[in-house]
Amino acid sequence: MRFRTTILAMSAIAGVLAGCGAPPTDEATPDQTAAATSFVGLWGADEAQCADPAWRFAADEVSTRGEVHCAFTQVTRAGDQYAVRAMCTAETPPAPYDITLQVNESPHVMVVSGGPWAGPIRLVYCAPQPAE
């Protein structure tokens, strides 16, 4: 009887340990990597425009005072560059666009290419995105 109790206890412990899964790793999932973005914040065409920044980047969207709003459907990071697939409304019905964000940390500047904007646009970082 004692042997049976020991076997049952060992089986229960093994079952609990098996359910624990693999130990955590330091690798980020693609969603976590996309969320940890260096482009999030308020941006302007130059430092003078930082008093009232025209560009507002979140991890999943961008909006400008020029009536452009893009909802990001996919963000892929490769080094300091982000390839973004987005649905944008720019004074027209929503349309799909590819956008490239090239971020330089020092000085903190970004070049926006593609999307509904004409030509590459150089932006300077102004401030963090305000909590809403």
C-alpha atoms as a PDB file:
ATOM      1  CA  MET A   1       0.000   0.000   0.000  1.00  0.00           C
ATOM      2  CA  ARG A   2       2.818   2.385   0.851  1.00  0.00           C
ATOM      3  CA  PHE A   3       4.482   1.625  -2.502  1.00  0.00           C
ATOM      4  CA  ARG A   4       1.254   2.522  -4.379  1.00  0.00           C
ATOM      5  CA  THR A   5       0.940   5.833  -2.494  1.00  0.00           C
ATOM      6  CA  THR A   6       4.544   6.705  -3.366  1.00  0.00           C
ATOM      7  CA  ILE A   7       3.966   5.927  -7.058  1.00  0.00           C
ATOM      8  CA  LEU A   8       0.782   8.047  -7.145  1.00  0.00           C
ATOM      9  CA  ALA A   9       2.552  10.972  -5.469  1.00  0.00           C
ATOM     10  CA  MET A  10       5.470  10.756  -7.906  1.00  0.00           C
ATOM     11  CA  SER A  11       3.048  10.640 -10.853  1.00  0.00           C
ATOM     12  CA  ALA A  12       1.237  13.735  -9.596  1.00  0.00           C
ATOM     13  CA  ILE A  13       4.517  15.640  -9.151  1.00  0.00           C
ATOM     14  CA  ALA A  14       5.682  14.602 -12.638  1.00  0.00           C
ATOM     15  CA  GLY A  15       2.375  15.814 -14.101  1.00  0.00           C
ATOM     16  CA  VAL A  16       2.695  19.188 -12.411  1.00  0.00           C
ATOM     17  CA  LEU A  17       6.289  19.600 -13.554  1.00  0.00           C
ATOM     18  CA  ALA A  18       5.407  18.598 -17.118  1.00  0.00           C
ATOM     19  CA  GLY A  19       2.723  21.295 -17.185  1.00  0.00           C
ATOM     20  CA  CYS A  20       5.229  23.995 -16.295  1.00  0.00           C
ATOM     21  CA  GLY A  21       6.586  24.077 -19.832  1.00  0.00           C
ATOM     22  CA  ALA A  22       9.969  25.286 -20.947  1.00  0.00           C
ATOM     23  CA  PRO A  23      11.844  27.852 -18.900  1.00  0.00           C
ATOM     24  CA  PRO A  24      11.384  31.447 -20.044  1.00  0.00           C
ATOM     25  CA  THR A  25      13.851  32.797 -22.599  1.00  0.00           C
ATOM     26  CA  ASP A  26      15.119  36.266 -23.345  1.00  0.00           C
ATOM     27  CA  GLU A  27      13.891  36.057 -26.936  1.00  0.00           C
ATOM     28  CA  ALA A  28      11.051  38.430 -27.732  1.00  0.00           C
ATOM     29  CA  THR A  29       8.088  37.339 -29.777  1.00  0.00           C
ATOM     30  CA  PRO A  30       7.463  39.228 -33.046  1.00  0.00           C
ATOM     31  CA  ASP A  31       4.603  41.145 -31.385  1.00  0.00           C
ATOM     32  CA  GLN A  32       6.846  42.186 -28.485  1.00  0.00           C
ATOM     33  CA  THR A  33       9.583  43.268 -30.897  1.00  0.00           C
ATOM     34  CA  ALA A  34       7.155  45.362 -32.910  1.00  0.00           C
ATOM     35  CA  ALA A  35       5.793  46.960 -29.760  1.00  0.00           C
ATOM     36  CA  ALA A  36       9.289  47.942 -28.554  1.00  0.00           C
ATOM     37  CA  THR A  37       9.665  50.645 -31.174  1.00  0.00           C
ATOM     38  CA  SER A  38      11.984  53.613 -31.281  1.00  0.00           C
ATOM     39  CA  PHE A  39       9.610  55.587 -33.523  1.00  0.00           C
ATOM     40  CA  VAL A  40       6.843  55.999 -30.925  1.00  0.00           C
ATOM     41  CA  GLY A  41       6.385  59.606 -29.861  1.00  0.00           C
ATOM     42  CA  LEU A  42       5.775  63.120 -31.129  1.00  0.00           C
ATOM     43  CA  TRP A  43       7.780  64.293 -34.141  1.00  0.00           C
ATOM     44  CA  GLY A  44       8.207  67.523 -36.098  1.00  0.00           C
ATOM     45  CA  ALA A  45       9.875  68.636 -39.319  1.00  0.00           C
ATOM     46  CA  ASP A  46      12.387  70.621 -37.221  1.00  0.00           C
ATOM     47  CA  GLU A  47      12.979  71.613 -33.597  1.00  0.00           C
ATOM     48  CA  ALA A  48      10.873  74.772 -33.963  1.00  0.00           C
ATOM     49  CA  GLN A  49       7.838  72.630 -34.803  1.00  0.00           C
ATOM     50  CA  CYS A  50       8.259  70.650 -31.579  1.00  0.00           C
ATOM     51  CA  ALA A  51       6.204  73.342 -29.817  1.00  0.00           C
ATOM     52  CA  ASP A  52       3.194  71.786 -31.577  1.00  0.00           C
ATOM     53  CA  PRO A  53       4.344  68.505 -33.197  1.00  0.00           C
ATOM     54  CA  ALA A  54       2.480  67.528 -36.342  1.00  0.00           C
ATOM     55  CA  TRP A  55       3.361  63.811 -36.338  1.00  0.00           C
ATOM     56  CA  ARG A  56       2.047  61.460 -33.625  1.00  0.00           C
ATOM     57  CA  PHE A  57       3.399  57.915 -33.770  1.00  0.00           C
ATOM     58  CA  ALA A  58       2.080  55.070 -31.608  1.00  0.00           C
ATOM     59  CA  ALA A  59       3.225  51.447 -31.936  1.00  0.00           C
ATOM     60  CA  ASP A  60       0.195  50.680 -34.114  1.00  0.00           C
ATOM     61  CA  GLU A  61      -0.635  53.959 -35.895  1.00  0.00           C
ATOM     62  CA  VAL A  62       0.440  57.420 -37.033  1.00  0.00           C
ATOM     63  CA  SER A  63      -1.579  60.585 -37.440  1.00  0.00           C
ATOM     64  CA  THR A  64      -0.639  64.014 -38.713  1.00  0.00           C
ATOM     65  CA  ARG A  65      -2.244  67.420 -38.624  1.00  0.00           C
ATOM     66  CA  GLY A  66      -2.482  67.121 -42.413  1.00  0.00           C
ATOM     67  CA  GLU A  67      -5.500  64.823 -41.989  1.00  0.00           C
ATOM     68  CA  VAL A  68      -3.523  61.605 -42.518  1.00  0.00           C
ATOM     69  CA  HIS A  69      -4.199  58.613 -40.319  1.00  0.00           C
ATOM     70  CA  CYS A  70      -2.587  55.216 -40.835  1.00  0.00           C
ATOM     71  CA  ALA A  71      -3.427  52.082 -38.853  1.00  0.00           C
ATOM     72  CA  PHE A  72      -0.460  49.709 -38.907  1.00  0.00           C
ATOM     73  CA  THR A  73      -1.380  46.155 -39.886  1.00  0.00           C
ATOM     74  CA  GLN A  74       2.182  44.801 -39.758  1.00  0.00           C
ATOM     75  CA  VAL A  75       5.464  46.191 -38.415  1.00  0.00           C
ATOM     76  CA  THR A  76       8.736  44.393 -39.144  1.00  0.00           C
ATOM     77  CA  ARG A  77      11.979  45.632 -37.632  1.00  0.00           C
ATOM     78  CA  ALA A  78      15.425  45.123 -39.142  1.00  0.00           C
ATOM     79  CA  GLY A  79      18.031  47.025 -37.137  1.00  0.00           C
ATOM     80  CA  ASP A  80      17.132  50.711 -37.140  1.00  0.00           C
ATOM     81  CA  GLN A  81      14.588  50.359 -39.957  1.00  0.00           C
ATOM     82  CA  TYR A  82      10.913  49.435 -39.770  1.00  0.00           C
ATOM     83  CA  ALA A  83       8.892  48.107 -42.697  1.00  0.00           C
ATOM     84  CA  VAL A  84       5.251  48.990 -42.051  1.00  0.00           C
ATOM     85  CA  ARG A  85       2.127  47.789 -43.847  1.00  0.00           C
ATOM     86  CA  ALA A  86      -0.723  50.173 -43.132  1.00  0.00           C
ATOM     87  CA  MET A  87      -4.237  51.214 -44.065  1.00  0.00           C
ATOM     88  CA  CYS A  88      -4.178  54.982 -44.492  1.00  0.00           C
ATOM     89  CA  THR A  89      -6.848  57.611 -44.844  1.00  0.00           C
ATOM     90  CA  ALA A  90      -5.523  60.784 -46.430  1.00  0.00           C
ATOM     91  CA  GLU A  91      -8.571  62.852 -47.420  1.00  0.00           C
ATOM     92  CA  THR A  92      -9.664  59.750 -49.392  1.00  0.00           C
ATOM     93  CA  PRO A  93     -11.134  56.352 -48.498  1.00  0.00           C
ATOM     94  CA  PRO A  94      -8.715  54.007 -46.678  1.00  0.00           C
ATOM     95  CA  ALA A  95      -6.062  52.431 -48.913  1.00  0.00           C
ATOM     96  CA  PRO A  96      -3.138  50.049 -48.246  1.00  0.00           C
ATOM     97  CA  TYR A  97       0.365  51.507 -48.159  1.00  0.00           C
ATOM     98  CA  ASP A  98       3.923  50.378 -47.486  1.00  0.00           C
ATOM     99  CA  ILE A  99       5.864  52.751 -45.235  1.00  0.00           C
ATOM    100  CA  THR A 100       9.535  52.653 -44.269  1.00  0.00           C
ATOM    101  CA  LEU A 101      10.731  54.287 -41.056  1.00  0.00           C
ATOM    102  CA  GLN A 102      14.501  54.757 -40.763  1.00  0.00           C
ATOM    103  CA  VAL A 103      15.360  55.781 -37.193  1.00  0.00           C
ATOM    104  CA  ASN A 104      18.686  57.226 -36.064  1.00  0.00           C
ATOM    105  CA  GLU A 105      19.097  57.410 -32.284  1.00  0.00           C
ATOM    106  CA  SER A 106      21.853  60.019 -32.125  1.00  0.00           C
ATOM    107  CA  PRO A 107      20.643  62.562 -33.009  1.00  0.00           C
ATOM    108  CA  HIS A 108      17.111  61.194 -32.687  1.00  0.00           C
ATOM    109  CA  VAL A 109      15.825  61.683 -36.236  1.00  0.00           C
ATOM    110  CA  MET A 110      13.629  59.594 -38.509  1.00  0.00           C
ATOM    111  CA  VAL A 111      13.085  59.462 -42.252  1.00  0.00           C
ATOM    112  CA  VAL A 112       9.593  58.440 -43.369  1.00  0.00           C
ATOM    113  CA  SER A 113       9.346  56.998 -46.889  1.00  0.00           C
ATOM    114  CA  GLY A 114       6.360  55.657 -48.798  1.00  0.00           C
ATOM    115  CA  GLY A 115       2.804  55.885 -47.568  1.00  0.00           C
ATOM    116  CA  PRO A 116       0.517  58.691 -48.721  1.00  0.00           C
ATOM    117  CA  TRP A 117       3.292  61.309 -48.441  1.00  0.00           C
ATOM    118  CA  ALA A 118       5.274  62.700 -51.385  1.00  0.00           C
ATOM    119  CA  GLY A 119       8.955  61.851 -51.096  1.00  0.00           C
ATOM    120  CA  PRO A 120      10.999  60.995 -48.010  1.00  0.00           C
ATOM    121  CA  ILE A 121      10.336  63.220 -45.002  1.00  0.00           C
ATOM    122  CA  ARG A 122      12.964  63.909 -42.323  1.00  0.00           C
ATOM    123  CA  LEU A 123      11.575  64.330 -38.799  1.00  0.00           C
ATOM    124  CA  VAL A 124      13.148  65.189 -35.448  1.00  0.00           C
ATOM    125  CA  TYR A 125      12.004  63.641 -32.185  1.00  0.00           C
ATOM    126  CA  CYS A 126      10.101  66.065 -29.955  1.00  0.00           C
ATOM    127  CA  ALA A 127       8.657  64.197 -26.971  1.00  0.00           C
ATOM    128  CA  PRO A 128       7.132  60.923 -25.782  1.00  0.00           C
ATOM    129  CA  GLN A 129       3.595  60.114 -26.842  1.00  0.00           C
ATOM    130  CA  PRO A 130       1.311  61.534 -24.108  1.00  0.00           C
ATOM    131  CA  ALA A 131      -0.720  59.048 -22.083  1.00  0.00           C
ATOM    132  CA  GLU A 132      -4.401  59.231 -22.911  1.00  0.00           C
END
